[in-house]
């Protein structure tokens, strides 16, 4: 589809792929232009503040996607065990078994960390809160729910980094399985 006719969400999705692979500092305007099929002037027309505007659009779309795929399902009125198991499956699929980098993980590095700190923090907090809510629904204490949720998100994100650093996606898969087992053990049967 010609870039001029491409819906904004598709343009942002293409920008996200570049940011996911290269982070803020490594994503050049030439790469962003090539990925979207938009010239630099067209990119600035759609995103007047340049790369910062592009990243804000990426974060907005990412946040909505995570909310739909992970955060909201963790709060659904069904057994917590199923919600947590589904989160693990969704995270595995979203990161393609550890082959895809994490957008927010790449944005917490370099100059983007300070530029987008509040937004990045809010995304991580919402994820941790959603996991904690599922655990709390299963009868896990508030303090333990929060600690387990934080640990799960930290381990998932860390496993992605290690998988990419070593070139071994099995690290991510093994870690996800252990996280799932730990969360299921915390909520018990049902």
N, C-alpha and C. Protein backbone atom coordinates (compact mmCIF):
# COMPACT_ATOMS: atom_id res chain seq x y z
N UNK A 1 0.85 -1.17 0.00
CA UNK A 1 0.00 0.00 0.00
C UNK A 1 0.90 1.23 0.00
N UNK A 2 0.60 2.21 -0.87
CA UNK A 2 1.41 3.42 -0.87
C UNK A 2 1.37 4.10 0.50
N UNK A 3 2.52 4.62 0.91
CA UNK A 3 2.63 5.21 2.25
C UNK A 3 1.61 6.32 2.46
N UNK A 4 1.32 7.09 1.42
CA UNK A 4 0.38 8.21 1.56
C UNK A 4 -1.02 7.71 1.91
N UNK A 5 -1.35 6.47 1.54
CA UNK A 5 -2.68 5.91 1.79
C UNK A 5 -2.71 5.01 3.01
N UNK A 6 -1.55 4.80 3.59
CA UNK A 6 -1.44 3.90 4.73
C UNK A 6 -2.09 4.51 5.97
N UNK A 7 -2.92 3.72 6.68
CA UNK A 7 -3.50 4.24 7.92
C UNK A 7 -2.41 4.55 8.94
N UNK A 8 -2.68 5.53 9.80
CA UNK A 8 -1.69 5.96 10.80
C UNK A 8 -1.21 4.80 11.67
N UNK A 9 -2.13 3.90 12.07
CA UNK A 9 -1.71 2.81 12.94
C UNK A 9 -0.71 1.89 12.24
N UNK A 10 -0.81 1.76 10.92
CA UNK A 10 0.16 0.94 10.20
C UNK A 10 1.51 1.65 10.12
N UNK A 11 1.48 2.97 9.92
CA UNK A 11 2.72 3.75 9.92
C UNK A 11 3.40 3.59 11.28
N UNK A 12 2.62 3.73 12.35
CA UNK A 12 3.18 3.61 13.70
C UNK A 12 3.71 2.20 13.95
N UNK A 13 3.01 1.19 13.45
CA UNK A 13 3.47 -0.19 13.60
C UNK A 13 4.83 -0.38 12.92
N UNK A 14 4.99 0.22 11.77
CA UNK A 14 6.29 0.13 11.07
C UNK A 14 7.38 0.88 11.82
N UNK A 15 7.02 2.02 12.39
CA UNK A 15 7.99 2.74 13.22
C UNK A 15 8.38 1.90 14.42
N UNK A 16 7.38 1.22 14.99
CA UNK A 16 7.63 0.38 16.17
C UNK A 16 8.64 -0.72 15.86
N UNK A 17 8.57 -1.29 14.69
CA UNK A 17 9.52 -2.35 14.32
C UNK A 17 10.95 -1.83 14.33
N UNK A 18 11.14 -0.62 13.85
CA UNK A 18 12.49 -0.04 13.83
C UNK A 18 12.95 0.27 15.26
N UNK A 19 12.07 0.88 16.05
CA UNK A 19 12.41 1.20 17.44
C UNK A 19 12.68 -0.08 18.23
N UNK A 20 11.89 -1.10 17.94
CA UNK A 20 12.06 -2.40 18.63
C UNK A 20 13.45 -2.98 18.35
N UNK A 21 13.91 -2.82 17.14
CA UNK A 21 15.20 -3.40 16.77
C UNK A 21 16.40 -2.52 17.15
N UNK A 22 16.21 -1.19 17.07
CA UNK A 22 17.36 -0.30 17.22
C UNK A 22 17.29 0.66 18.40
N UNK A 23 16.16 0.72 19.09
CA UNK A 23 16.01 1.68 20.17
C UNK A 23 15.90 3.09 19.61
N UNK A 24 15.83 4.04 20.50
CA UNK A 24 15.67 5.44 20.09
C UNK A 24 16.94 5.96 19.42
N UNK A 25 18.06 5.80 20.09
CA UNK A 25 19.31 6.37 19.57
C UNK A 25 19.77 5.70 18.28
N UNK A 26 19.48 4.42 18.13
CA UNK A 26 19.94 3.70 16.94
C UNK A 26 19.01 3.80 15.74
N UNK A 27 17.81 4.32 15.94
CA UNK A 27 16.84 4.43 14.84
C UNK A 27 17.05 5.76 14.12
N UNK A 28 17.66 5.69 12.96
CA UNK A 28 17.91 6.92 12.19
C UNK A 28 16.65 7.32 11.44
N UNK A 29 16.59 8.60 11.09
CA UNK A 29 15.45 9.07 10.29
C UNK A 29 15.42 8.36 8.94
N UNK A 30 16.58 8.03 8.41
CA UNK A 30 16.63 7.31 7.13
C UNK A 30 15.96 5.93 7.27
N UNK A 31 16.26 5.23 8.37
CA UNK A 31 15.63 3.92 8.60
C UNK A 31 14.13 4.04 8.83
N UNK A 32 13.74 5.04 9.61
CA UNK A 32 12.32 5.25 9.89
C UNK A 32 11.57 5.61 8.62
N UNK A 33 12.19 6.41 7.79
CA UNK A 33 11.60 6.79 6.50
C UNK A 33 11.46 5.56 5.60
N UNK A 34 12.51 4.79 5.52
CA UNK A 34 12.49 3.58 4.68
C UNK A 34 11.42 2.60 5.16
N UNK A 35 11.33 2.40 6.46
CA UNK A 35 10.37 1.45 7.02
C UNK A 35 8.93 1.85 6.75
N UNK A 36 8.67 3.14 6.77
CA UNK A 36 7.29 3.62 6.58
C UNK A 36 6.96 3.91 5.12
N UNK A 37 7.99 4.10 4.31
CA UNK A 37 7.76 4.50 2.92
C UNK A 37 7.45 5.99 2.80
N UNK A 38 7.64 6.71 3.90
CA UNK A 38 7.39 8.16 3.91
C UNK A 38 8.73 8.89 3.85
N UNK A 39 8.80 9.94 3.06
CA UNK A 39 9.98 10.78 3.03
C UNK A 39 10.11 11.52 4.35
N UNK A 40 11.27 12.09 4.57
CA UNK A 40 11.50 12.82 5.81
C UNK A 40 10.49 13.94 6.01
N UNK A 41 10.19 14.67 4.95
CA UNK A 41 9.24 15.77 5.09
C UNK A 41 7.85 15.25 5.44
N UNK A 42 7.47 14.11 4.89
CA UNK A 42 6.17 13.51 5.23
C UNK A 42 6.16 13.01 6.67
N UNK A 43 7.28 12.45 7.11
CA UNK A 43 7.37 12.02 8.51
C UNK A 43 7.19 13.22 9.44
N UNK A 44 7.84 14.34 9.10
CA UNK A 44 7.69 15.54 9.93
C UNK A 44 6.30 16.14 9.83
N UNK A 45 5.64 15.93 8.71
CA UNK A 45 4.25 16.39 8.57
C UNK A 45 3.36 15.63 9.56
N UNK A 46 3.54 14.31 9.62
CA UNK A 46 2.74 13.46 10.52
C UNK A 46 3.22 13.56 11.97
N UNK A 47 4.51 13.80 12.15
CA UNK A 47 5.11 13.82 13.48
C UNK A 47 5.97 15.09 13.60
N UNK A 48 5.33 16.24 13.84
CA UNK A 48 6.03 17.54 13.82
C UNK A 48 7.23 17.64 14.76
N UNK A 49 7.21 16.93 15.88
CA UNK A 49 8.34 16.98 16.80
C UNK A 49 9.37 15.90 16.49
N UNK A 50 9.31 15.36 15.29
CA UNK A 50 10.29 14.40 14.84
C UNK A 50 10.25 13.07 15.57
N UNK A 51 11.42 12.55 15.85
CA UNK A 51 11.53 11.22 16.43
C UNK A 51 10.82 11.12 17.78
N UNK A 52 10.83 12.19 18.57
CA UNK A 52 10.13 12.15 19.85
C UNK A 52 8.63 11.92 19.64
N UNK A 53 8.06 12.60 18.67
CA UNK A 53 6.64 12.39 18.34
C UNK A 53 6.39 10.96 17.87
N UNK A 54 7.31 10.45 17.07
CA UNK A 54 7.17 9.08 16.57
C UNK A 54 7.18 8.10 17.73
N UNK A 55 8.10 8.28 18.65
CA UNK A 55 8.20 7.37 19.79
C UNK A 55 6.97 7.50 20.68
N UNK A 56 6.47 8.72 20.87
CA UNK A 56 5.23 8.88 21.65
C UNK A 56 4.08 8.12 21.00
N UNK A 57 3.99 8.17 19.67
CA UNK A 57 2.95 7.43 18.95
C UNK A 57 3.16 5.93 19.10
N UNK A 58 4.41 5.50 19.02
CA UNK A 58 4.74 4.08 19.21
C UNK A 58 4.34 3.63 20.61
N UNK A 59 4.70 4.42 21.61
CA UNK A 59 4.37 4.06 22.99
C UNK A 59 2.87 4.03 23.22
N UNK A 60 2.16 4.97 22.62
CA UNK A 60 0.69 4.97 22.76
C UNK A 60 0.08 3.71 22.16
N UNK A 61 0.53 3.35 20.96
CA UNK A 61 0.01 2.14 20.31
C UNK A 61 0.44 0.89 21.06
N UNK A 62 1.68 0.86 21.51
CA UNK A 62 2.18 -0.27 22.28
C UNK A 62 1.39 -0.45 23.56
N UNK A 63 1.18 0.66 24.26
CA UNK A 63 0.44 0.62 25.52
C UNK A 63 -0.97 0.08 25.31
N UNK A 64 -1.62 0.53 24.25
CA UNK A 64 -2.97 0.04 23.97
C UNK A 64 -2.94 -1.45 23.63
N UNK A 65 -1.95 -1.86 22.86
CA UNK A 65 -1.82 -3.28 22.52
C UNK A 65 -1.57 -4.13 23.75
N UNK A 66 -0.67 -3.70 24.62
CA UNK A 66 -0.40 -4.44 25.85
C UNK A 66 -1.62 -4.47 26.75
N UNK A 67 -2.33 -3.36 26.80
CA UNK A 67 -3.53 -3.30 27.62
C UNK A 67 -4.56 -4.33 27.12
N UNK A 68 -4.73 -4.38 25.81
CA UNK A 68 -5.71 -5.30 25.22
C UNK A 68 -5.28 -6.76 25.34
N UNK A 69 -4.00 -7.03 25.07
CA UNK A 69 -3.51 -8.41 25.04
C UNK A 69 -3.15 -8.99 26.41
N UNK A 70 -2.67 -8.13 27.31
CA UNK A 70 -2.13 -8.64 28.56
C UNK A 70 -2.82 -8.05 29.79
N UNK A 71 -2.84 -6.73 29.91
CA UNK A 71 -3.29 -6.11 31.16
C UNK A 71 -4.77 -6.36 31.44
N UNK A 72 -5.63 -6.10 30.47
CA UNK A 72 -7.07 -6.30 30.69
C UNK A 72 -7.43 -7.77 30.91
N UNK A 73 -6.88 -8.70 30.10
CA UNK A 73 -7.19 -10.11 30.36
C UNK A 73 -6.76 -10.59 31.75
N UNK A 74 -5.73 -9.98 32.32
CA UNK A 74 -5.32 -10.35 33.67
C UNK A 74 -6.34 -9.92 34.72
N UNK A 75 -7.22 -9.02 34.36
CA UNK A 75 -8.23 -8.53 35.31
C UNK A 75 -9.63 -9.11 35.03
N UNK A 76 -9.73 -9.98 34.06
CA UNK A 76 -11.04 -10.57 33.72
C UNK A 76 -11.56 -11.45 34.85
N UNK A 77 -12.89 -11.59 34.91
CA UNK A 77 -13.49 -12.42 35.97
C UNK A 77 -13.47 -13.91 35.61
N UNK A 78 -12.31 -14.50 35.63
CA UNK A 78 -12.15 -15.94 35.44
C UNK A 78 -11.04 -16.39 36.35
N UNK A 79 -10.84 -17.66 36.51
CA UNK A 79 -9.81 -18.12 37.46
C UNK A 79 -8.45 -17.49 37.21
N UNK A 80 -7.83 -17.05 38.28
CA UNK A 80 -6.54 -16.38 38.19
C UNK A 80 -5.50 -17.25 37.51
N UNK A 81 -5.53 -18.53 37.82
CA UNK A 81 -4.56 -19.45 37.21
C UNK A 81 -4.63 -19.38 35.69
N UNK A 82 -5.83 -19.38 35.13
CA UNK A 82 -5.99 -19.31 33.67
C UNK A 82 -5.52 -17.97 33.12
N UNK A 83 -5.79 -16.91 33.86
CA UNK A 83 -5.35 -15.58 33.43
C UNK A 83 -3.83 -15.50 33.37
N UNK A 84 -3.18 -16.05 34.39
CA UNK A 84 -1.72 -16.01 34.44
C UNK A 84 -1.10 -16.91 33.38
N UNK A 85 -1.67 -18.09 33.19
CA UNK A 85 -1.19 -18.99 32.14
C UNK A 85 -1.33 -18.34 30.77
N UNK A 86 -2.46 -17.65 30.56
CA UNK A 86 -2.68 -16.97 29.28
C UNK A 86 -1.67 -15.84 29.09
N UNK A 87 -1.35 -15.12 30.16
CA UNK A 87 -0.35 -14.06 30.04
C UNK A 87 0.98 -14.63 29.56
N UNK A 88 1.39 -15.75 30.13
CA UNK A 88 2.66 -16.36 29.73
C UNK A 88 2.62 -16.72 28.24
N UNK A 89 1.52 -17.32 27.79
CA UNK A 89 1.39 -17.68 26.36
C UNK A 89 1.41 -16.44 25.48
N UNK A 90 0.71 -15.40 25.92
CA UNK A 90 0.63 -14.17 25.14
C UNK A 90 2.00 -13.49 25.06
N UNK A 91 2.71 -13.44 26.17
CA UNK A 91 4.05 -12.84 26.18
C UNK A 91 4.98 -13.63 25.26
N UNK A 92 4.89 -14.94 25.33
CA UNK A 92 5.72 -15.79 24.47
C UNK A 92 5.43 -15.50 22.99
N UNK A 93 4.16 -15.41 22.64
CA UNK A 93 3.78 -15.13 21.25
C UNK A 93 4.18 -13.71 20.85
N UNK A 94 3.95 -12.74 21.74
CA UNK A 94 4.23 -11.34 21.44
C UNK A 94 5.72 -11.14 21.14
N UNK A 95 6.57 -11.83 21.88
CA UNK A 95 8.02 -11.70 21.66
C UNK A 95 8.55 -12.83 20.77
N UNK A 96 7.66 -13.53 20.11
CA UNK A 96 8.02 -14.59 19.16
C UNK A 96 9.06 -15.54 19.75
N UNK A 97 8.71 -16.05 20.94
CA UNK A 97 9.59 -17.02 21.59
C UNK A 97 10.94 -16.46 21.97
N UNK A 98 11.03 -15.15 22.13
CA UNK A 98 12.29 -14.51 22.51
C UNK A 98 13.08 -13.98 21.32
N UNK A 99 12.54 -14.14 20.11
CA UNK A 99 13.25 -13.66 18.93
C UNK A 99 13.06 -12.16 18.70
N UNK A 100 11.97 -11.61 19.20
CA UNK A 100 11.70 -10.18 19.04
C UNK A 100 12.16 -9.42 20.28
N UNK A 101 12.74 -8.28 20.06
CA UNK A 101 13.19 -7.43 21.18
C UNK A 101 11.99 -6.72 21.78
N UNK A 102 12.17 -6.20 22.96
CA UNK A 102 11.13 -5.47 23.66
C UNK A 102 11.27 -3.98 23.37
N UNK A 103 10.20 -3.36 22.90
CA UNK A 103 10.22 -1.93 22.60
C UNK A 103 10.54 -1.14 23.87
N UNK A 104 9.80 -1.42 24.93
CA UNK A 104 10.04 -0.64 26.15
C UNK A 104 11.42 -0.95 26.73
N UNK A 105 11.86 -2.17 26.57
CA UNK A 105 13.21 -2.52 27.03
C UNK A 105 14.27 -1.73 26.29
N UNK A 106 14.09 -1.54 24.99
CA UNK A 106 15.05 -0.77 24.20
C UNK A 106 14.96 0.72 24.48
N UNK A 107 13.81 1.17 24.92
CA UNK A 107 13.64 2.60 25.19
C UNK A 107 14.12 3.02 26.57
N UNK A 108 14.39 2.05 27.44
CA UNK A 108 14.93 2.42 28.75
C UNK A 108 16.45 2.58 28.70
N UNK A 109 17.01 2.46 27.51
CA UNK A 109 18.45 2.62 27.32
C UNK A 109 18.73 3.95 26.62
N UNK A 110 19.87 4.51 26.85
CA UNK A 110 20.29 5.70 26.14
C UNK A 110 19.48 6.94 26.50
N UNK A 111 19.44 7.87 25.58
CA UNK A 111 18.79 9.16 25.84
C UNK A 111 17.28 9.04 25.98
N UNK A 112 16.70 8.01 25.42
CA UNK A 112 15.24 7.85 25.49
C UNK A 112 14.77 7.57 26.92
N UNK A 113 15.64 7.04 27.74
CA UNK A 113 15.27 6.72 29.12
C UNK A 113 14.75 7.95 29.85
N UNK A 114 15.46 9.06 29.71
CA UNK A 114 15.01 10.27 30.39
C UNK A 114 13.87 10.95 29.64
N UNK A 115 13.88 10.89 28.33
CA UNK A 115 12.83 11.53 27.52
C UNK A 115 11.46 10.93 27.81
N UNK A 116 11.40 9.62 27.96
CA UNK A 116 10.12 8.92 28.05
C UNK A 116 9.94 8.19 29.38
N UNK A 117 10.71 8.59 30.37
CA UNK A 117 10.72 7.89 31.65
C UNK A 117 9.32 7.70 32.24
N UNK A 118 8.55 8.75 32.31
CA UNK A 118 7.22 8.66 32.94
C UNK A 118 6.33 7.66 32.22
N UNK A 119 6.36 7.68 30.91
CA UNK A 119 5.52 6.77 30.13
C UNK A 119 5.99 5.33 30.28
N UNK A 120 7.29 5.12 30.22
CA UNK A 120 7.85 3.77 30.37
C UNK A 120 7.54 3.22 31.76
N UNK A 121 7.71 4.05 32.75
CA UNK A 121 7.41 3.63 34.11
C UNK A 121 5.94 3.25 34.25
N UNK A 122 5.06 4.05 33.66
CA UNK A 122 3.62 3.78 33.74
C UNK A 122 3.27 2.44 33.10
N UNK A 123 3.91 2.11 31.98
CA UNK A 123 3.64 0.83 31.32
C UNK A 123 4.09 -0.33 32.21
N UNK A 124 5.30 -0.25 32.73
CA UNK A 124 5.78 -1.31 33.62
C UNK A 124 4.89 -1.43 34.86
N UNK A 125 4.52 -0.30 35.43
CA UNK A 125 3.66 -0.32 36.62
C UNK A 125 2.30 -0.94 36.33
N UNK A 126 1.72 -0.62 35.17
CA UNK A 126 0.43 -1.19 34.83
C UNK A 126 0.52 -2.70 34.67
N UNK A 127 1.62 -3.16 34.08
CA UNK A 127 1.82 -4.60 33.91
C UNK A 127 1.96 -5.27 35.27
N UNK A 128 2.80 -4.73 36.12
CA UNK A 128 2.99 -5.30 37.46
C UNK A 128 1.68 -5.29 38.23
N UNK A 129 0.95 -4.18 38.16
CA UNK A 129 -0.33 -4.08 38.87
C UNK A 129 -1.35 -5.11 38.37
N UNK A 130 -1.35 -5.35 37.06
CA UNK A 130 -2.31 -6.32 36.49
C UNK A 130 -1.98 -7.74 36.95
N UNK A 131 -0.70 -8.10 36.97
CA UNK A 131 -0.30 -9.43 37.45
C UNK A 131 -0.64 -9.53 38.94
N UNK A 132 -0.34 -8.49 39.70
CA UNK A 132 -0.63 -8.50 41.13
C UNK A 132 -2.13 -8.63 41.39
N UNK A 133 -2.95 -7.99 40.56
CA UNK A 133 -4.41 -8.08 40.73
C UNK A 133 -4.90 -9.52 40.55
N UNK A 134 -4.35 -10.22 39.58
CA UNK A 134 -4.74 -11.62 39.37
C UNK A 134 -4.33 -12.47 40.58
N UNK A 135 -3.14 -12.24 41.08
CA UNK A 135 -2.67 -12.99 42.26
C UNK A 135 -3.51 -12.66 43.48
N UNK A 136 -3.83 -11.41 43.66
CA UNK A 136 -4.66 -10.97 44.78
C UNK A 136 -6.04 -11.62 44.72
N UNK A 137 -6.60 -11.69 43.51
CA UNK A 137 -7.90 -12.35 43.32
C UNK A 137 -7.87 -13.81 43.74
N UNK A 138 -6.69 -14.43 43.66
CA UNK A 138 -6.54 -15.84 44.02
C UNK A 138 -6.28 -16.02 45.51
N UNK A 139 -6.25 -14.91 46.25
CA UNK A 139 -6.07 -15.02 47.68
C UNK A 139 -4.65 -14.82 48.17
N UNK A 140 -3.74 -14.47 47.26
CA UNK A 140 -2.37 -14.18 47.66
C UNK A 140 -2.38 -12.81 48.35
N UNK A 141 -1.62 -12.66 49.41
CA UNK A 141 -1.61 -11.38 50.14
C UNK A 141 -1.18 -10.24 49.23
N UNK A 142 -1.57 -9.03 49.60
CA UNK A 142 -1.24 -7.85 48.80
C UNK A 142 0.28 -7.71 48.62
N UNK A 143 1.03 -7.82 49.71
CA UNK A 143 2.49 -7.66 49.64
C UNK A 143 3.12 -8.75 48.77
N UNK A 144 2.69 -9.99 48.97
CA UNK A 144 3.25 -11.11 48.18
C UNK A 144 2.84 -11.00 46.71
N UNK A 145 1.61 -10.56 46.45
CA UNK A 145 1.14 -10.38 45.07
C UNK A 145 2.03 -9.39 44.34
N UNK A 146 2.29 -8.28 45.00
CA UNK A 146 3.12 -7.23 44.40
C UNK A 146 4.54 -7.74 44.17
N UNK A 147 5.11 -8.43 45.14
CA UNK A 147 6.48 -8.95 45.01
C UNK A 147 6.57 -9.98 43.89
N UNK A 148 5.62 -10.90 43.82
CA UNK A 148 5.62 -11.92 42.77
C UNK A 148 5.42 -11.29 41.39
N UNK A 149 4.54 -10.31 41.30
CA UNK A 149 4.27 -9.65 40.02
C UNK A 149 5.50 -8.91 39.52
N UNK A 150 6.11 -8.16 40.42
CA UNK A 150 7.32 -7.42 40.05
C UNK A 150 8.42 -8.38 39.60
N UNK A 151 8.59 -9.45 40.34
CA UNK A 151 9.60 -10.46 40.01
C UNK A 151 9.33 -11.07 38.63
N UNK A 152 8.06 -11.36 38.34
CA UNK A 152 7.71 -11.97 37.05
C UNK A 152 8.05 -11.04 35.89
N UNK A 153 7.68 -9.77 36.00
CA UNK A 153 7.95 -8.82 34.92
C UNK A 153 9.46 -8.60 34.76
N UNK A 154 10.15 -8.48 35.86
CA UNK A 154 11.62 -8.30 35.81
C UNK A 154 12.26 -9.51 35.13
N UNK A 155 11.85 -10.70 35.49
CA UNK A 155 12.43 -11.90 34.90
C UNK A 155 12.11 -12.03 33.42
N UNK A 156 10.88 -11.68 33.02
CA UNK A 156 10.53 -11.74 31.60
C UNK A 156 11.40 -10.79 30.79
N UNK A 157 11.47 -9.53 31.25
CA UNK A 157 12.26 -8.53 30.53
C UNK A 157 13.74 -8.90 30.54
N UNK A 158 14.24 -9.36 31.67
CA UNK A 158 15.63 -9.76 31.75
C UNK A 158 15.95 -10.94 30.84
N UNK A 159 15.03 -11.88 30.78
CA UNK A 159 15.24 -13.05 29.92
C UNK A 159 15.32 -12.64 28.45
N UNK A 160 14.54 -11.65 28.07
CA UNK A 160 14.62 -11.16 26.69
C UNK A 160 16.00 -10.58 26.40
N UNK A 161 16.50 -9.81 27.33
CA UNK A 161 17.82 -9.20 27.14
C UNK A 161 18.90 -10.28 27.05
N UNK A 162 18.85 -11.24 27.95
CA UNK A 162 19.84 -12.31 27.93
C UNK A 162 19.71 -13.15 26.66
N UNK A 163 18.49 -13.45 26.25
CA UNK A 163 18.28 -14.22 25.02
C UNK A 163 18.89 -13.50 23.82
N UNK A 164 18.71 -12.19 23.76
CA UNK A 164 19.28 -11.43 22.65
C UNK A 164 20.79 -11.31 22.77
N UNK A 165 21.26 -11.14 23.98
CA UNK A 165 22.70 -11.01 24.18
C UNK A 165 23.47 -12.29 23.89
N UNK A 166 22.83 -13.43 24.16
CA UNK A 166 23.51 -14.71 23.94
C UNK A 166 23.15 -15.34 22.60
N UNK A 167 22.06 -14.85 22.00
CA UNK A 167 21.59 -15.46 20.76
C UNK A 167 20.87 -16.78 21.02
N UNK A 168 20.49 -17.02 22.26
CA UNK A 168 19.84 -18.26 22.67
C UNK A 168 18.41 -17.98 23.15
N UNK A 169 17.44 -18.12 22.27
CA UNK A 169 16.05 -17.84 22.63
C UNK A 169 15.50 -18.85 23.62
N UNK A 170 16.17 -20.00 23.77
CA UNK A 170 15.71 -20.99 24.74
C UNK A 170 15.77 -20.44 26.16
N UNK A 171 16.66 -19.48 26.40
CA UNK A 171 16.74 -18.82 27.71
C UNK A 171 15.39 -18.19 28.04
N UNK A 172 14.82 -17.51 27.06
CA UNK A 172 13.52 -16.85 27.25
C UNK A 172 12.44 -17.89 27.51
N UNK A 173 12.41 -18.94 26.70
CA UNK A 173 11.39 -19.98 26.85
C UNK A 173 11.48 -20.67 28.21
N UNK A 174 12.68 -21.02 28.63
CA UNK A 174 12.86 -21.67 29.94
C UNK A 174 12.42 -20.74 31.07
N UNK A 175 12.79 -19.48 30.97
CA UNK A 175 12.43 -18.52 32.01
C UNK A 175 10.92 -18.34 32.08
N UNK A 176 10.27 -18.22 30.93
CA UNK A 176 8.80 -18.09 30.92
C UNK A 176 8.13 -19.29 31.58
N UNK A 177 8.62 -20.48 31.30
CA UNK A 177 8.05 -21.68 31.91
C UNK A 177 8.19 -21.64 33.43
N UNK A 178 9.37 -21.22 33.90
CA UNK A 178 9.58 -21.15 35.35
C UNK A 178 8.71 -20.06 35.98
N UNK A 179 8.57 -18.93 35.30
CA UNK A 179 7.71 -17.86 35.81
C UNK A 179 6.27 -18.37 35.90
N UNK A 180 5.81 -19.02 34.85
CA UNK A 180 4.45 -19.57 34.85
C UNK A 180 4.25 -20.55 35.98
N UNK A 181 5.22 -21.43 36.17
CA UNK A 181 5.11 -22.43 37.25
C UNK A 181 5.09 -21.74 38.62
N UNK A 182 5.92 -20.73 38.79
CA UNK A 182 5.95 -20.01 40.07
C UNK A 182 4.63 -19.30 40.35
N UNK A 183 4.07 -18.66 39.33
CA UNK A 183 2.80 -17.95 39.51
C UNK A 183 1.66 -18.91 39.78
N UNK A 184 1.63 -20.01 39.04
CA UNK A 184 0.57 -21.03 39.24
C UNK A 184 0.70 -21.63 40.63
N UNK A 185 1.91 -21.89 41.07
CA UNK A 185 2.10 -22.44 42.42
C UNK A 185 1.60 -21.47 43.47
N UNK A 186 1.79 -20.19 43.23
CA UNK A 186 1.33 -19.18 44.20
C UNK A 186 -0.19 -19.12 44.31
N UNK A 187 -0.90 -19.37 43.18
CA UNK A 187 -2.37 -19.29 43.23
C UNK A 187 -3.01 -20.62 43.57
N UNK A 188 -2.26 -21.70 43.44
CA UNK A 188 -2.82 -23.01 43.76
C UNK A 188 -3.71 -23.54 42.65
N UNK A 189 -4.37 -24.65 42.88
CA UNK A 189 -5.21 -25.28 41.84
C UNK A 189 -6.45 -24.45 41.53
N UNK A 190 -6.95 -24.65 40.30
CA UNK A 190 -8.21 -23.98 39.93
C UNK A 190 -8.02 -22.87 39.09
